[in-house]
Amino acid sequence: MKKTFIAIICSMLMLLTNTLHAQSKLDPDKCPSIEAIKALGLNWAEEIDHQVWAVGHSADAYDTNMKWVFYMGKFPAKNRDDAISVVGKIALMNLKFFHGPEKIAQRNGSVFIIPIIYLQLR
């Protein structure tokens, strides 16, 4: 069986406030903490290409004054369950804060990174 290795080097992860915030004049008081992100985990996955997935968590305030949507991608996985349970958990374990909150695409966001991770798709 041919093995394909995919290196994810400094993959950008972004937390974006929900659409209701776009109409608000308020800014978030801080970015969600890594501990809060890990505590909630992941609750959705979407296949964005053949066996390439984005995973995340629906809107939640985490430990801040605003609601955020957590998104990370692109990860190789055979199916939705693998994307959430295997790949997503490995990525969450290695999550590091980068910067924020700041305006990203006209919304407030925070950027996190995953240092180098090698994932094997069989």
C-alpha atoms as a PDB file:
ATOM      1  CA  MET A   1       0.000   0.000   0.000  1.00  0.00           C
ATOM      2  CA  LYS A   2       1.398   3.343  -1.001  1.00  0.00           C
ATOM      3  CA  LYS A   3       1.856   5.768   1.862  1.00  0.00           C
ATOM      4  CA  THR A   4       1.370   9.468   1.430  1.00  0.00           C
ATOM      5  CA  PHE A   5       2.999  11.838   3.911  1.00  0.00           C
ATOM      6  CA  ILE A   6       1.597  15.286   4.329  1.00  0.00           C
ATOM      7  CA  ALA A   7       3.560  17.857   6.296  1.00  0.00           C
ATOM      8  CA  ILE A   8       1.587  20.610   7.911  1.00  0.00           C
ATOM      9  CA  ILE A   9       4.068  23.354   8.690  1.00  0.00           C
ATOM     10  CA  CYS A  10       2.838  26.235  10.799  1.00  0.00           C
ATOM     11  CA  SER A  11      -0.772  25.672   9.761  1.00  0.00           C
ATOM     12  CA  MET A  12      -2.813  28.712  10.567  1.00  0.00           C
ATOM     13  CA  LEU A  13      -5.799  28.254  12.814  1.00  0.00           C
ATOM     14  CA  MET A  14      -8.288  31.021  13.199  1.00  0.00           C
ATOM     15  CA  LEU A  15     -11.027  31.851  15.659  1.00  0.00           C
ATOM     16  CA  LEU A  16     -13.599  34.152  14.110  1.00  0.00           C
ATOM     17  CA  THR A  17     -16.437  35.890  15.922  1.00  0.00           C
ATOM     18  CA  ASN A  18     -19.892  34.895  14.763  1.00  0.00           C
ATOM     19  CA  THR A  19     -21.924  36.921  12.258  1.00  0.00           C
ATOM     20  CA  LEU A  20     -23.919  38.702  14.954  1.00  0.00           C
ATOM     21  CA  HIS A  21     -20.709  40.359  16.103  1.00  0.00           C
ATOM     22  CA  ALA A  22     -20.212  41.929  12.671  1.00  0.00           C
ATOM     23  CA  GLN A  23     -23.196  44.162  13.446  1.00  0.00           C
ATOM     24  CA  SER A  24     -21.927  45.041  16.918  1.00  0.00           C
ATOM     25  CA  LYS A  25     -19.635  47.899  17.918  1.00  0.00           C
ATOM     26  CA  LEU A  26     -18.115  45.793  20.708  1.00  0.00           C
ATOM     27  CA  ASP A  27     -14.706  44.224  20.476  1.00  0.00           C
ATOM     28  CA  PRO A  28     -13.694  41.030  22.248  1.00  0.00           C
ATOM     29  CA  ASP A  29     -11.854  41.560  25.528  1.00  0.00           C
ATOM     30  CA  LYS A  30      -9.299  38.843  24.672  1.00  0.00           C
ATOM     31  CA  CYS A  31      -8.714  35.758  22.577  1.00  0.00           C
ATOM     32  CA  PRO A  32     -10.033  32.436  23.824  1.00  0.00           C
ATOM     33  CA  SER A  33      -7.445  30.554  25.856  1.00  0.00           C
ATOM     34  CA  ILE A  34      -5.951  27.334  24.570  1.00  0.00           C
ATOM     35  CA  GLU A  35      -7.282  25.606  27.690  1.00  0.00           C
ATOM     36  CA  ALA A  36     -10.845  26.718  26.857  1.00  0.00           C
ATOM     37  CA  ILE A  37     -10.490  25.574  23.243  1.00  0.00           C
ATOM     38  CA  LYS A  38      -9.185  22.167  24.330  1.00  0.00           C
ATOM     39  CA  ALA A  39     -11.912  21.800  26.964  1.00  0.00           C
ATOM     40  CA  LEU A  40     -14.687  22.163  24.374  1.00  0.00           C
ATOM     41  CA  GLY A  41     -12.940  20.076  21.736  1.00  0.00           C
ATOM     42  CA  LEU A  42     -14.336  19.665  18.235  1.00  0.00           C
ATOM     43  CA  ASN A  43     -17.931  19.095  17.179  1.00  0.00           C
ATOM     44  CA  TRP A  44     -17.941  19.314  13.378  1.00  0.00           C
ATOM     45  CA  ALA A  45     -15.910  18.302  10.332  1.00  0.00           C
ATOM     46  CA  GLU A  46     -16.306  19.114   6.655  1.00  0.00           C
ATOM     47  CA  GLU A  47     -14.590  17.403   3.736  1.00  0.00           C
ATOM     48  CA  ILE A  48     -13.171  20.237   1.624  1.00  0.00           C
ATOM     49  CA  ASP A  49     -11.438  17.979  -0.909  1.00  0.00           C
ATOM     50  CA  HIS A  50     -11.046  14.231  -1.347  1.00  0.00           C
ATOM     51  CA  GLN A  51      -9.898  12.985   2.096  1.00  0.00           C
ATOM     52  CA  VAL A  52      -8.931  16.526   3.140  1.00  0.00           C
ATOM     53  CA  TRP A  53     -10.900  17.910   6.070  1.00  0.00           C
ATOM     54  CA  ALA A  54     -11.526  21.064   8.057  1.00  0.00           C
ATOM     55  CA  VAL A  55     -12.613  20.619  11.672  1.00  0.00           C
ATOM     56  CA  GLY A  56     -13.838  22.964  14.365  1.00  0.00           C
ATOM     57  CA  HIS A  57     -16.347  23.887  17.023  1.00  0.00           C
ATOM     58  CA  SER A  58     -19.595  25.840  16.591  1.00  0.00           C
ATOM     59  CA  ALA A  59     -20.143  29.234  18.192  1.00  0.00           C
ATOM     60  CA  ASP A  60     -19.180  29.474  21.856  1.00  0.00           C
ATOM     61  CA  ALA A  61     -17.935  32.253  24.144  1.00  0.00           C
ATOM     62  CA  TYR A  62     -15.107  30.060  25.485  1.00  0.00           C
ATOM     63  CA  ASP A  63     -13.641  32.227  28.275  1.00  0.00           C
ATOM     64  CA  THR A  64     -14.324  35.620  26.651  1.00  0.00           C
ATOM     65  CA  ASN A  65     -17.098  38.210  26.352  1.00  0.00           C
ATOM     66  CA  MET A  66     -18.004  37.309  22.714  1.00  0.00           C
ATOM     67  CA  LYS A  67     -18.980  34.217  20.754  1.00  0.00           C
ATOM     68  CA  TRP A  68     -16.364  32.633  18.485  1.00  0.00           C
ATOM     69  CA  VAL A  69     -16.321  29.942  15.817  1.00  0.00           C
ATOM     70  CA  PHE A  70     -13.240  27.721  15.862  1.00  0.00           C
ATOM     71  CA  TYR A  71     -11.895  26.439  12.521  1.00  0.00           C
ATOM     72  CA  MET A  72      -8.789  24.541  11.524  1.00  0.00           C
ATOM     73  CA  GLY A  73      -7.842  22.805   8.325  1.00  0.00           C
ATOM     74  CA  LYS A  74      -6.625  21.258   5.990  1.00  0.00           C
ATOM     75  CA  PHE A  75      -5.966  17.795   7.390  1.00  0.00           C
ATOM     76  CA  PRO A  76      -5.852  14.394   5.693  1.00  0.00           C
ATOM     77  CA  ALA A  77      -8.351  11.883   7.062  1.00  0.00           C
ATOM     78  CA  LYS A  78     -10.314   8.945   5.694  1.00  0.00           C
ATOM     79  CA  ASN A  79     -13.666  10.070   7.101  1.00  0.00           C
ATOM     80  CA  ARG A  80     -15.435  12.508   9.441  1.00  0.00           C
ATOM     81  CA  ASP A  81     -14.810  10.453  12.574  1.00  0.00           C
ATOM     82  CA  ASP A  82     -11.080  10.190  11.875  1.00  0.00           C
ATOM     83  CA  ALA A  83     -10.907  13.917  11.152  1.00  0.00           C
ATOM     84  CA  ILE A  84     -12.425  14.779  14.530  1.00  0.00           C
ATOM     85  CA  SER A  85     -11.122  12.015  16.775  1.00  0.00           C
ATOM     86  CA  VAL A  86      -7.596  11.491  15.476  1.00  0.00           C
ATOM     87  CA  VAL A  87      -6.361  14.408  13.415  1.00  0.00           C
ATOM     88  CA  GLY A  88      -8.236  17.108  15.312  1.00  0.00           C
ATOM     89  CA  LYS A  89      -7.082  15.899  18.711  1.00  0.00           C
ATOM     90  CA  ILE A  90      -3.446  15.725  17.580  1.00  0.00           C
ATOM     91  CA  ALA A  91      -3.721  19.270  16.263  1.00  0.00           C
ATOM     92  CA  LEU A  92      -5.370  20.527  19.480  1.00  0.00           C
ATOM     93  CA  MET A  93      -2.600  18.980  21.595  1.00  0.00           C
ATOM     94  CA  ASN A  94      -0.030  21.030  19.653  1.00  0.00           C
ATOM     95  CA  LEU A  95      -1.982  24.305  19.438  1.00  0.00           C
ATOM     96  CA  LYS A  96       0.004  27.487  20.205  1.00  0.00           C
ATOM     97  CA  PHE A  97      -1.228  31.085  20.459  1.00  0.00           C
ATOM     98  CA  PHE A  98       0.152  33.401  17.742  1.00  0.00           C
ATOM     99  CA  HIS A  99      -1.641  36.782  17.947  1.00  0.00           C
ATOM    100  CA  GLY A 100      -4.934  38.623  18.303  1.00  0.00           C
ATOM    101  CA  PRO A 101      -7.570  39.690  18.714  1.00  0.00           C
ATOM    102  CA  GLU A 102      -7.421  41.730  15.526  1.00  0.00           C
ATOM    103  CA  LYS A 103      -9.571  42.505  12.506  1.00  0.00           C
ATOM    104  CA  ILE A 104      -9.471  39.663   9.976  1.00  0.00           C
ATOM    105  CA  ALA A 105     -11.800  39.908   6.975  1.00  0.00           C
ATOM    106  CA  GLN A 106     -13.837  42.644   8.716  1.00  0.00           C
ATOM    107  CA  ARG A 107     -14.338  40.502  11.822  1.00  0.00           C
ATOM    108  CA  ASN A 108     -12.368  40.145  15.009  1.00  0.00           C
ATOM    109  CA  GLY A 109     -10.178  37.092  15.038  1.00  0.00           C
ATOM    110  CA  SER A 110      -7.326  35.357  16.812  1.00  0.00           C
ATOM    111  CA  VAL A 111      -4.656  33.320  15.099  1.00  0.00           C
ATOM    112  CA  PHE A 112      -3.134  30.142  16.496  1.00  0.00           C
ATOM    113  CA  ILE A 113      -0.589  27.837  14.892  1.00  0.00           C
ATOM    114  CA  ILE A 114       0.297  24.183  14.992  1.00  0.00           C
ATOM    115  CA  PRO A 115       4.039  23.655  14.902  1.00  0.00           C
ATOM    116  CA  ILE A 116       5.241  21.032  12.433  1.00  0.00           C
ATOM    117  CA  ILE A 117       3.069  17.934  12.398  1.00  0.00           C
ATOM    118  CA  TYR A 118       3.473  14.969  10.084  1.00  0.00           C
ATOM    119  CA  LEU A 119       0.313  13.057   9.316  1.00  0.00           C
ATOM    120  CA  GLN A 120       0.236   9.775   7.439  1.00  0.00           C
ATOM    121  CA  LEU A 121      -2.694   8.883   5.257  1.00  0.00           C
ATOM    122  CA  ARG A 122      -2.936   5.152   4.452  1.00  0.00           C
END
